C-alpha atoms as a PDB file:
ATOM      1  CA  MET A   1     293.702  71.306   5.817  1.00  0.00           C
ATOM      2  CA  SER A   2     292.070  71.664   9.224  1.00  0.00           C
ATOM      3  CA  THR A   3     294.130  73.108  12.063  1.00  0.00           C
ATOM      4  CA  ILE A   4     295.380  70.798  14.796  1.00  0.00           C
ATOM      5  CA  LEU A   5     294.537  72.153  18.255  1.00  0.00           C
ATOM      6  CA  ALA A   6     297.658  71.918  20.419  1.00  0.00           C
ATOM      7  CA  ASP A   7     295.573  71.722  23.593  1.00  0.00           C
ATOM      8  CA  PHE A   8     292.952  69.269  22.315  1.00  0.00           C
ATOM      9  CA  LEU A   9     294.133  66.784  24.961  1.00  0.00           C
ATOM     10  CA  VAL A  10     296.232  67.931  27.902  1.00  0.00           C
ATOM     11  CA  ARG A  11     297.689  66.353  31.020  1.00  0.00           C
ATOM     12  CA  THR A  12     296.073  67.421  34.308  1.00  0.00           C
ATOM     13  CA  PRO A  13     296.389  66.086  37.873  1.00  0.00           C
ATOM     14  CA  GLU A  14     293.144  64.137  37.374  1.00  0.00           C
ATOM     15  CA  GLY A  15     294.120  62.617  34.023  1.00  0.00           C
ATOM     16  CA  TYR A  16     294.184  63.494  30.320  1.00  0.00           C
ATOM     17  CA  TYR A  17     291.547  66.152  29.678  1.00  0.00           C
ATOM     18  CA  CYS A  18     289.792  67.218  26.480  1.00  0.00           C
ATOM     19  CA  PRO A  19     288.491  70.776  27.080  1.00  0.00           C
ATOM     20  CA  TYR A  20     286.583  70.765  23.765  1.00  0.00           C
ATOM     21  CA  GLY A  21     284.417  67.825  24.836  1.00  0.00           C
ATOM     22  CA  ASP A  22     284.712  68.328  28.615  1.00  0.00           C
ATOM     23  CA  PHE A  23     285.757  64.739  29.310  1.00  0.00           C
ATOM     24  CA  TYR A  24     288.817  62.903  30.590  1.00  0.00           C
ATOM     25  CA  ILE A  25     290.649  59.869  29.271  1.00  0.00           C
ATOM     26  CA  ASP A  26     292.000  57.256  31.723  1.00  0.00           C
ATOM     27  CA  ALA A  27     291.556  59.591  34.704  1.00  0.00           C
ATOM     28  CA  LEU A  28     292.922  58.243  37.994  1.00  0.00           C
ATOM     29  CA  GLN A  29     291.017  60.710  40.178  1.00  0.00           C
ATOM     30  CA  PRO A  30     287.201  60.981  40.239  1.00  0.00           C
ATOM     31  CA  VAL A  31     285.763  63.109  37.411  1.00  0.00           C
ATOM     32  CA  SER A  32     282.322  63.657  35.914  1.00  0.00           C
ATOM     33  CA  GLN A  33     282.977  61.995  32.539  1.00  0.00           C
ATOM     34  CA  VAL A  34     285.818  59.591  31.716  1.00  0.00           C
ATOM     35  CA  VAL A  35     286.570  57.536  28.627  1.00  0.00           C
ATOM     36  CA  VAL A  36     288.577  54.444  29.614  1.00  0.00           C
ATOM     37  CA  SER A  37     290.927  52.723  27.166  1.00  0.00           C
ATOM     38  CA  HIS A  38     291.284  49.468  29.133  1.00  0.00           C
ATOM     39  CA  ALA A  39     290.941  47.992  32.599  1.00  0.00           C
ATOM     40  CA  HIS A  40     294.513  47.972  33.922  1.00  0.00           C
ATOM     41  CA  GLY A  41     294.813  49.887  37.184  1.00  0.00           C
ATOM     42  CA  ASP A  42     297.085  52.597  35.755  1.00  0.00           C
ATOM     43  CA  HIS A  43     294.312  53.509  33.288  1.00  0.00           C
ATOM     44  CA  ALA A  44     291.048  52.579  35.018  1.00  0.00           C
ATOM     45  CA  SER A  45     289.885  53.737  38.435  1.00  0.00           C
ATOM     46  CA  PRO A  46     286.599  54.051  40.374  1.00  0.00           C
ATOM     47  CA  GLY A  47     284.677  57.065  41.632  1.00  0.00           C
ATOM     48  CA  HIS A  48     283.587  58.660  38.350  1.00  0.00           C
ATOM     49  CA  GLN A  49     280.040  59.769  37.569  1.00  0.00           C
ATOM     50  CA  GLN A  50     280.014  58.388  34.020  1.00  0.00           C
ATOM     51  CA  ILE A  51     282.421  55.805  32.594  1.00  0.00           C
ATOM     52  CA  PHE A  52     282.470  55.242  28.828  1.00  0.00           C
ATOM     53  CA  ALA A  53     284.109  51.902  28.037  1.00  0.00           C
ATOM     54  CA  THR A  54     283.821  48.683  26.063  1.00  0.00           C
ATOM     55  CA  ALA A  55     281.743  45.937  27.654  1.00  0.00           C
ATOM     56  CA  MET A  56     284.798  43.866  28.622  1.00  0.00           C
ATOM     57  CA  THR A  57     286.622  46.832  30.140  1.00  0.00           C
ATOM     58  CA  ALA A  58     283.507  47.518  32.220  1.00  0.00           C
ATOM     59  CA  ALA A  59     283.281  43.839  33.246  1.00  0.00           C
ATOM     60  CA  PHE A  60     286.848  43.848  34.567  1.00  0.00           C
ATOM     61  CA  MET A  61     286.303  47.176  36.321  1.00  0.00           C
ATOM     62  CA  GLN A  62     283.096  45.917  37.949  1.00  0.00           C
ATOM     63  CA  HIS A  63     285.018  42.953  39.339  1.00  0.00           C
ATOM     64  CA  ARG A  64     287.791  45.153  40.725  1.00  0.00           C
ATOM     65  CA  TYR A  65     285.662  48.083  41.866  1.00  0.00           C
ATOM     66  CA  SER A  66     282.471  46.483  43.165  1.00  0.00           C
ATOM     67  CA  SER A  67     281.334  49.666  44.935  1.00  0.00           C
ATOM     68  CA  GLN A  68     281.172  51.584  41.626  1.00  0.00           C
ATOM     69  CA  PRO A  69     277.455  51.851  40.662  1.00  0.00           C
ATOM     70  CA  ALA A  70     276.596  49.724  37.652  1.00  0.00           C
ATOM     71  CA  SER A  71     274.497  52.611  36.314  1.00  0.00           C
ATOM     72  CA  SER A  72     277.644  54.742  35.866  1.00  0.00           C
ATOM     73  CA  TYR A  73     278.943  52.522  33.035  1.00  0.00           C
ATOM     74  CA  GLN A  74     278.069  53.643  29.527  1.00  0.00           C
ATOM     75  CA  LEU A  75     278.933  50.654  27.332  1.00  0.00           C
ATOM     76  CA  LYS A  76     280.069  51.270  23.771  1.00  0.00           C
ATOM     77  CA  ALA A  77     280.865  48.690  21.109  1.00  0.00           C
ATOM     78  CA  PHE A  78     283.932  48.847  18.907  1.00  0.00           C
ATOM     79  CA  LYS A  79     283.260  51.112  15.877  1.00  0.00           C
ATOM     80  CA  GLU A  80     280.146  52.623  17.542  1.00  0.00           C
ATOM     81  CA  GLU A  81     280.428  56.408  17.316  1.00  0.00           C
ATOM     82  CA  PHE A  82     279.190  58.510  20.224  1.00  0.00           C
ATOM     83  CA  THR A  83     279.531  62.215  21.004  1.00  0.00           C
ATOM     84  CA  LEU A  84     280.684  64.126  24.069  1.00  0.00           C
ATOM     85  CA  GLY A  85     280.498  67.909  23.902  1.00  0.00           C
ATOM     86  CA  GLY A  86     280.767  68.005  20.143  1.00  0.00           C
ATOM     87  CA  VAL A  87     283.673  65.539  19.933  1.00  0.00           C
ATOM     88  CA  ALA A  88     282.869  62.341  18.018  1.00  0.00           C
ATOM     89  CA  ILE A  89     284.456  59.302  19.702  1.00  0.00           C
ATOM     90  CA  THR A  90     284.977  55.749  18.457  1.00  0.00           C
ATOM     91  CA  PHE A  91     286.626  52.755  20.140  1.00  0.00           C
ATOM     92  CA  ILE A  92     289.107  50.856  17.933  1.00  0.00           C
ATOM     93  CA  PRO A  93     290.666  47.534  19.107  1.00  0.00           C
ATOM     94  CA  ALA A  94     294.122  48.048  20.620  1.00  0.00           C
ATOM     95  CA  GLY A  95     295.312  44.431  20.878  1.00  0.00           C
ATOM     96  CA  HIS A  96     296.606  44.944  24.423  1.00  0.00           C
ATOM     97  CA  ILE A  97     294.139  42.892  26.513  1.00  0.00           C
ATOM     98  CA  LEU A  98     290.548  41.768  26.060  1.00  0.00           C
ATOM     99  CA  GLY A  99     288.349  44.831  25.539  1.00  0.00           C
ATOM    100  CA  SER A 100     291.265  47.261  25.213  1.00  0.00           C
ATOM    101  CA  ALA A 101     290.592  50.186  22.903  1.00  0.00           C
ATOM    102  CA  GLN A 102     292.272  52.980  21.101  1.00  0.00           C
ATOM    103  CA  ILE A 103     290.171  56.133  21.308  1.00  0.00           C
ATOM    104  CA  LEU A 104     289.621  57.927  18.010  1.00  0.00           C
ATOM    105  CA  MET A 105     288.339  61.481  18.509  1.00  0.00           C
ATOM    106  CA  THR A 106     287.178  63.744  15.692  1.00  0.00           C
ATOM    107  CA  TYR A 107     286.651  67.473  16.154  1.00  0.00           C
ATOM    108  CA  LYS A 108     286.283  70.154  13.464  1.00  0.00           C
ATOM    109  CA  GLY A 109     287.655  67.851  10.788  1.00  0.00           C
ATOM    110  CA  VAL A 110     290.759  66.732  12.703  1.00  0.00           C
ATOM    111  CA  LYS A 111     291.250  63.159  13.920  1.00  0.00           C
ATOM    112  CA  TYR A 112     293.117  62.569  17.195  1.00  0.00           C
ATOM    113  CA  LEU A 113     293.994  58.937  18.012  1.00  0.00           C
ATOM    114  CA  TYR A 114     294.829  58.022  21.626  1.00  0.00           C
ATOM    115  CA  THR A 115     296.329  54.546  21.569  1.00  0.00           C
ATOM    116  CA  GLY A 116     296.170  53.598  25.240  1.00  0.00           C
ATOM    117  CA  ASP A 117     298.468  50.581  25.597  1.00  0.00           C
ATOM    118  CA  TYR A 118     298.691  48.517  22.416  1.00  0.00           C
ATOM    119  CA  LYS A 119     300.563  45.679  20.755  1.00  0.00           C
ATOM    120  CA  MET A 120     300.958  44.266  17.257  1.00  0.00           C
ATOM    121  CA  GLN A 121     301.997  40.717  18.211  1.00  0.00           C
ATOM    122  CA  GLU A 122     299.428  37.961  17.715  1.00  0.00           C
ATOM    123  CA  ASP A 123     297.347  37.147  20.789  1.00  0.00           C
ATOM    124  CA  SER A 124     294.486  34.652  20.641  1.00  0.00           C
ATOM    125  CA  THR A 125     292.973  35.976  23.899  1.00  0.00           C
ATOM    126  CA  CYS A 126     292.031  39.487  22.745  1.00  0.00           C
ATOM    127  CA  GLU A 127     290.822  41.478  19.786  1.00  0.00           C
ATOM    128  CA  PRO A 128     293.694  42.168  17.340  1.00  0.00           C
ATOM    129  CA  LEU A 129     294.990  45.697  16.870  1.00  0.00           C
ATOM    130  CA  GLU A 130     293.267  47.631  14.097  1.00  0.00           C
ATOM    131  CA  ILE A 131     294.627  50.576  12.155  1.00  0.00           C
ATOM    132  CA  ALA A 132     292.864  53.933  12.026  1.00  0.00           C
ATOM    133  CA  GLN A 133     294.506  56.801  10.200  1.00  0.00           C
ATOM    134  CA  ALA A 134     294.623  60.079  12.100  1.00  0.00           C
ATOM    135  CA  ASP A 135     296.065  63.581  11.982  1.00  0.00           C
ATOM    136  CA  VAL A 136     297.473  63.287  15.510  1.00  0.00           C
ATOM    137  CA  LEU A 137     298.756  60.031  16.977  1.00  0.00           C
ATOM    138  CA  ILE A 138     298.840  60.152  20.796  1.00  0.00           C
ATOM    139  CA  THR A 139     300.989  57.157  21.589  1.00  0.00           C
ATOM    140  CA  GLU A 140     302.393  55.364  24.611  1.00  0.00           C
ATOM    141  CA  CYS A 141     306.206  55.150  24.680  1.00  0.00           C
ATOM    142  CA  THR A 142     306.791  52.337  27.170  1.00  0.00           C
ATOM    143  CA  PHE A 143     309.430  50.692  24.952  1.00  0.00           C
ATOM    144  CA  ALA A 144     310.140  53.490  22.443  1.00  0.00           C
ATOM    145  CA  ASP A 145     313.851  52.683  22.315  1.00  0.00           C
ATOM    146  CA  PRO A 146     315.833  51.033  19.459  1.00  0.00           C
ATOM    147  CA  SER A 147     317.554  48.773  21.990  1.00  0.00           C
ATOM    148  CA  VAL A 148     314.234  47.067  22.759  1.00  0.00           C
ATOM    149  CA  GLU A 149     313.083  44.295  20.427  1.00  0.00           C
ATOM    150  CA  HIS A 150     310.506  41.853  21.740  1.00  0.00           C
ATOM    151  CA  PRO A 151     311.280  38.266  20.680  1.00  0.00           C
ATOM    152  CA  ASP A 152     308.791  35.777  19.269  1.00  0.00           C
ATOM    153  CA  PRO A 153     306.424  34.867  22.148  1.00  0.00           C
ATOM    154  CA  VAL A 154     306.123  31.265  20.973  1.00  0.00           C
ATOM    155  CA  ALA A 155     309.901  30.781  21.138  1.00  0.00           C
ATOM    156  CA  GLU A 156     309.894  32.405  24.581  1.00  0.00           C
ATOM    157  CA  ILE A 157     307.128  30.236  26.055  1.00  0.00           C
ATOM    158  CA  LYS A 158     308.886  27.118  24.781  1.00  0.00           C
ATOM    159  CA  LYS A 159     311.783  27.966  27.099  1.00  0.00           C
ATOM    160  CA  LEU A 160     309.631  26.468  29.863  1.00  0.00           C
ATOM    161  CA  GLN A 161     309.711  23.010  28.278  1.00  0.00           C
ATOM    162  CA  GLY A 162     311.964  20.189  29.461  1.00  0.00           C
ATOM    163  CA  ARG A 163     312.977  21.795  32.744  1.00  0.00           C
ATOM    164  CA  ASN A 164     312.484  18.760  35.029  1.00  0.00           C
ATOM    165  CA  SER A 165     311.191  21.133  37.678  1.00  0.00           C
ATOM    166  CA  ASN A 166     307.983  22.956  38.445  1.00  0.00           C
ATOM    167  CA  ILE A 167     308.018  26.630  37.468  1.00  0.00           C
ATOM    168  CA  MET A 168     306.688  29.626  39.377  1.00  0.00           C
ATOM    169  CA  LEU A 169     305.757  32.167  36.718  1.00  0.00           C
ATOM    170  CA  GLY A 170     305.174  35.768  37.756  1.00  0.00           C
ATOM    171  CA  THR A 171     302.594  37.593  35.660  1.00  0.00           C
ATOM    172  CA  TYR A 172     300.143  40.471  35.751  1.00  0.00           C
ATOM    173  CA  ALA A 173     296.732  39.103  36.710  1.00  0.00           C
ATOM    174  CA  LEU A 174     294.720  40.719  33.920  1.00  0.00           C
ATOM    175  CA  GLY A 175     295.643  40.142  30.287  1.00  0.00           C
ATOM    176  CA  LYS A 176     299.161  38.735  30.592  1.00  0.00           C
ATOM    177  CA  ALA A 177     298.132  35.725  32.711  1.00  0.00           C
ATOM    178  CA  GLN A 178     295.449  34.718  30.227  1.00  0.00           C
ATOM    179  CA  ARG A 179     297.780  35.164  27.251  1.00  0.00           C
ATOM    180  CA  LEU A 180     300.396  32.991  28.975  1.00  0.00           C
ATOM    181  CA  THR A 181     297.829  30.298  29.730  1.00  0.00           C
ATOM    182  CA  ALA A 182     296.745  30.211  26.091  1.00  0.00           C
ATOM    183  CA  LEU A 183     300.367  30.107  24.888  1.00  0.00           C
ATOM    184  CA  LEU A 184     301.143  27.241  27.275  1.00  0.00           C
ATOM    185  CA  ASN A 185     298.013  25.356  26.194  1.00  0.00           C
ATOM    186  CA  GLN A 186     298.855  25.812  22.516  1.00  0.00           C
ATOM    187  CA  HIS A 187     302.624  25.287  22.495  1.00  0.00           C
ATOM    188  CA  CYS A 188     303.478  23.403  25.715  1.00  0.00           C
ATOM    189  CA  PRO A 189     300.471  21.072  26.134  1.00  0.00           C
ATOM    190  CA  GLU A 190     302.485  18.696  28.322  1.00  0.00           C
ATOM    191  CA  LEU A 191     302.680  21.370  31.039  1.00  0.00           C
ATOM    192  CA  ARG A 192     299.867  21.747  33.581  1.00  0.00           C
ATOM    193  CA  VAL A 193     298.842  25.349  34.316  1.00  0.00           C
ATOM    194  CA  LEU A 194     298.025  26.114  37.954  1.00  0.00           C
ATOM    195  CA  VAL A 195     296.526  29.529  38.705  1.00  0.00           C
ATOM    196  CA  HIS A 196     296.742  31.682  41.841  1.00  0.00           C
ATOM    197  CA  HIS A 197     293.354  32.536  43.410  1.00  0.00           C
ATOM    198  CA  GLY A 198     293.891  36.249  42.634  1.00  0.00           C
ATOM    199  CA  ILE A 199     294.098  35.464  38.911  1.00  0.00           C
ATOM    200  CA  MET A 200     291.232  32.964  38.712  1.00  0.00           C
ATOM    201  CA  PRO A 201     288.355  35.497  38.401  1.00  0.00           C
ATOM    202  CA  PHE A 202     289.945  37.075  35.325  1.00  0.00           C
ATOM    203  CA  HIS A 203     290.472  33.648  33.761  1.00  0.00           C
ATOM    204  CA  LYS A 204     286.766  32.941  34.253  1.00  0.00           C
ATOM    205  CA  ILE A 205     285.729  36.246  32.665  1.00  0.00           C
ATOM    206  CA  TYR A 206     288.018  35.558  29.705  1.00  0.00           C
ATOM    207  CA  ASP A 207     286.654  32.033  29.329  1.00  0.00           C
ATOM    208  CA  SER A 208     283.126  33.435  29.139  1.00  0.00           C
ATOM    209  CA  GLN A 209     284.189  35.277  25.976  1.00  0.00           C
ATOM    210  CA  LEU A 210     286.791  33.078  24.253  1.00  0.00           C
ATOM    211  CA  SER A 211     285.714  30.627  21.557  1.00  0.00           C
ATOM    212  CA  GLU A 212     288.529  28.269  22.605  1.00  0.00           C
ATOM    213  CA  LYS A 213     288.469  27.766  26.379  1.00  0.00           C
ATOM    214  CA  MET A 214     291.721  27.768  28.308  1.00  0.00           C
ATOM    215  CA  THR A 215     292.909  24.689  30.228  1.00  0.00           C
ATOM    216  CA  TYR A 216     294.026  25.415  33.791  1.00  0.00           C
ATOM    217  CA  GLU A 217     293.547  24.424  37.430  1.00  0.00           C
ATOM    218  CA  ARG A 218     293.254  26.351  40.664  1.00  0.00           C
ATOM    219  CA  TYR A 219     296.522  26.228  42.614  1.00  0.00           C
ATOM    220  CA  ASN A 220     296.836  23.312  45.014  1.00  0.00           C
ATOM    221  CA  ARG A 221     299.869  23.112  47.302  1.00  0.00           C
ATOM    222  CA  ARG A 222     299.765  19.305  47.313  1.00  0.00           C
ATOM    223  CA  GLU A 223     299.808  19.157  43.514  1.00  0.00           C
ATOM    224  CA  MET A 224     302.932  21.311  43.404  1.00  0.00           C
ATOM    225  CA  LYS A 225     304.718  18.921  45.763  1.00  0.00           C
ATOM    226  CA  GLN A 226     303.600  15.599  44.326  1.00  0.00           C
ATOM    227  CA  GLY A 227     303.770  13.782  41.025  1.00  0.00           C
ATOM    228  CA  GLU A 228     305.512  14.877  37.859  1.00  0.00           C
ATOM    229  CA  ALA A 229     307.461  18.144  37.796  1.00  0.00           C
ATOM    230  CA  ASN A 230     305.368  19.398  34.886  1.00  0.00           C
ATOM    231  CA  LYS A 231     303.488  22.307  36.435  1.00  0.00           C
ATOM    232  CA  VAL A 232     303.595  26.052  35.784  1.00  0.00           C
ATOM    233  CA  TYR A 233     302.152  28.057  38.668  1.00  0.00           C
ATOM    234  CA  LEU A 234     300.953  31.532  37.593  1.00  0.00           C
ATOM    235  CA  VAL A 235     301.233  34.074  40.413  1.00  0.00           C
ATOM    236  CA  PRO A 236     300.718  37.876  40.532  1.00  0.00           C
ATOM    237  CA  PRO A 237     303.741  40.152  41.099  1.00  0.00           C
ATOM    238  CA  MET A 238     303.344  40.667  44.858  1.00  0.00           C
ATOM    239  CA  THR A 239     303.104  36.923  45.466  1.00  0.00           C
ATOM    240  CA  PHE A 240     306.064  36.291  43.170  1.00  0.00           C
ATOM    241  CA  ASN A 241     308.177  38.806  45.076  1.00  0.00           C
ATOM    242  CA  SER A 242     307.156  37.387  48.447  1.00  0.00           C
ATOM    243  CA  TYR A 243     308.282  33.906  47.353  1.00  0.00           C
ATOM    244  CA  ILE A 244     311.833  35.048  46.642  1.00  0.00           C
ATOM    245  CA  ARG A 245     313.248  32.061  48.565  1.00  0.00           C
ATOM    246  CA  ALA A 246     310.829  29.467  47.253  1.00  0.00           C
ATOM    247  CA  LYS A 247     312.467  26.045  46.986  1.00  0.00           C
ATOM    248  CA  ASN A 248     312.164  23.262  44.433  1.00  0.00           C
ATOM    249  CA  VAL A 249     310.822  25.572  41.706  1.00  0.00           C
ATOM    250  CA  LEU A 250     312.371  27.561  38.903  1.00  0.00           C
ATOM    251  CA  ARG A 251     311.472  31.255  38.863  1.00  0.00           C
ATOM    252  CA  ALA A 252     310.459  33.242  35.774  1.00  0.00           C
ATOM    253  CA  PHE A 253     308.621  36.530  35.240  1.00  0.00           C
ATOM    254  CA  ALA A 254     306.925  37.340  31.937  1.00  0.00           C
ATOM    255  CA  SER A 255     307.769  40.929  30.993  1.00  0.00           C
ATOM    256  CA  GLY A 256     309.442  43.083  28.380  1.00  0.00           C
ATOM    257  CA  TRP A 257     311.508  44.773  31.101  1.00  0.00           C
ATOM    258  CA  LYS A 258     315.114  43.564  31.402  1.00  0.00           C
ATOM    259  CA  ARG A 259     315.255  44.597  35.060  1.00  0.00           C
ATOM    260  CA  LEU A 260     312.539  42.041  35.891  1.00  0.00           C
ATOM    261  CA  GLN A 261     314.578  39.173  34.423  1.00  0.00           C
ATOM    262  CA  SER A 262     317.938  39.487  36.160  1.00  0.00           C
ATOM    263  CA  GLN A 263     317.184  37.630  39.425  1.00  0.00           C
ATOM    264  CA  ASN A 264     315.270  34.734  37.862  1.00  0.00           C
ATOM    265  CA  ASP A 265     316.208  31.236  36.737  1.00  0.00           C
ATOM    266  CA  ILE A 266     314.606  31.677  33.310  1.00  0.00           C
ATOM    267  CA  SER A 267     314.288  34.876  31.279  1.00  0.00           C
ATOM    268  CA  LEU A 268     310.887  35.264  29.638  1.00  0.00           C
ATOM    269  CA  TYR A 269     310.556  38.340  27.433  1.00  0.00           C
ATOM    270  CA  ILE A 270     306.822  38.404  26.691  1.00  0.00           C
ATOM    271  CA  SER A 271     305.353  41.910  26.537  1.00  0.00           C
ATOM    272  CA  ASP A 272     301.895  43.280  25.764  1.00  0.00           C
ATOM    273  CA  HIS A 273     303.287  46.577  24.445  1.00  0.00           C
ATOM    274  CA  VAL A 274     304.773  47.642  21.116  1.00  0.00           C
ATOM    275  CA  ASP A 275     308.556  47.613  20.823  1.00  0.00           C
ATOM    276  CA  TRP A 276     310.637  50.064  18.772  1.00  0.00           C
ATOM    277  CA  LYS A 277     310.085  48.393  15.395  1.00  0.00           C
ATOM    278  CA  ASP A 278     306.382  48.023  16.007  1.00  0.00           C
ATOM    279  CA  ILE A 279     305.890  51.636  17.032  1.00  0.00           C
ATOM    280  CA  LEU A 280     307.666  52.790  13.857  1.00  0.00           C
ATOM    281  CA  GLN A 281     305.487  50.470  11.770  1.00  0.00           C
ATOM    282  CA  TYR A 282     302.380  51.764  13.483  1.00  0.00           C
ATOM    283  CA  ILE A 283     303.324  55.385  12.822  1.00  0.00           C
ATOM    284  CA  ALA A 284     303.811  54.498   9.148  1.00  0.00           C
ATOM    285  CA  ASP A 285     300.365  52.868   9.094  1.00  0.00           C
ATOM    286  CA  VAL A 286     298.531  55.723  10.852  1.00  0.00           C
ATOM    287  CA  GLN A 287     300.292  58.438   8.787  1.00  0.00           C
ATOM    288  CA  PRO A 288     299.874  61.250  11.345  1.00  0.00           C
ATOM    289  CA  ARG A 289     300.774  64.867  10.810  1.00  0.00           C
ATOM    290  CA  GLU A 290     301.893  65.104  14.446  1.00  0.00           C
ATOM    291  CA  ILE A 291     302.782  62.670  17.250  1.00  0.00           C
ATOM    292  CA  TRP A 292     302.136  63.402  20.931  1.00  0.00           C
ATOM    293  CA  THR A 293     303.824  61.085  23.415  1.00  0.00           C
ATOM    294  CA  LEU A 294     302.936  59.867  26.909  1.00  0.00           C
ATOM    295  CA  HIS A 295     303.446  56.863  29.238  1.00  0.00           C
ATOM    296  CA  GLY A 296     307.202  56.771  28.835  1.00  0.00           C
ATOM    297  CA  ASP A 297     310.101  58.721  27.370  1.00  0.00           C
ATOM    298  CA  GLY A 298     309.388  60.121  23.909  1.00  0.00           C
ATOM    299  CA  ARG A 299     312.756  61.831  23.422  1.00  0.00           C
ATOM    300  CA  ILE A 300     314.292  59.063  21.301  1.00  0.00           C
ATOM    301  CA  LEU A 301     311.238  59.063  19.049  1.00  0.00           C
ATOM    302  CA  GLN A 302     311.462  62.839  18.796  1.00  0.00           C
ATOM    303  CA  ALA A 303     315.128  62.674  17.789  1.00  0.00           C
ATOM    304  CA  TYR A 304     314.431  59.939  15.237  1.00  0.00           C
ATOM    305  CA  PHE A 305     311.818  62.057  13.440  1.00  0.00           C
ATOM    306  CA  GLU A 306     313.640  65.392  13.774  1.00  0.00           C
ATOM    307  CA  ASN A 307     313.022  67.600  10.718  1.00  0.00           C
ATOM    308  CA  LYS A 308     310.616  64.967   9.342  1.00  0.00           C
ATOM    309  CA  LEU A 309     307.621  64.890  11.685  1.00  0.00           C
ATOM    310  CA  SER A 310     306.545  66.901  14.722  1.00  0.00           C
ATOM    311  CA  VAL A 311     306.920  64.753  17.861  1.00  0.00           C
ATOM    312  CA  ARG A 312     306.403  66.170  21.359  1.00  0.00           C
ATOM    313  CA  ASP A 313     305.173  65.267  24.816  1.00  0.00           C
ATOM    314  CA  ILE A 314     301.517  65.917  25.485  1.00  0.00           C
ATOM    315  CA  LEU A 315     301.067  69.405  26.975  1.00  0.00           C
ATOM    316  CA  GLU A 316     300.398  69.980  30.653  1.00  0.00           C
ATOM    317  CA  LYS A 317     297.511  72.231  31.627  1.00  0.00           C
END
């Protein structure tokens, strides 16, 4: 059995670094070579010399970071193997947002799987999560806590029905907003979806890729004030927070975090991350020899697998 290298991927001030391939993953400071799991701002940033990403991740990044030279993007398809410094790399769908990828790295016979952010729940707006077995699972731990169980998203979105009031729905602009629009279209077709101007460009990029187009309208103040109270207005977090005293609307924010529900009129627990049960199921599917944790607190996971499986935080350089 090949030896796992404890320092194969380490945390540095720039980002997660692989010294054996001389590249970074999801670096947030400019580096020469970065492999990007997905286009959310806590994983994708500008200023790098070469960016290896899926086509959709690059499309979202090009919209957000227009000054980044187009020639710096090295587009790779899912399942297309490429090599950096002797490390073979493959993108595997992560099910988080459109274009999101797990990063499978193989070096000297050992497979290291960096999940990025991922989810197992069904989502018609992005590629579904796929399983890849690996020796080392490098997993996010956003909700790695037995007290967290994400409810059925269909049951959650149906909470918005029959409210006799327009709803202001806070959502992240990329990924979550498009998933919510699709859920509303599919399960609450009587509700009209109005979209904030900051979210519209991502809706348009999604629609260029989806086989079933979403139904939505650009926000119009007059529409919110007139006619039937059957509208859901999708707004990004900063706008949602600035409208804390908004009148004649019900407030909701789509998130897995309990702290983001307490001040709202409607709780809406819709998350794009794995919960405790899902992360345990995924570990069983991947069958790793070791687990390295990041993006959250891995101590509960470590305690759960004590004396059964090696679980530790990713090392710092």
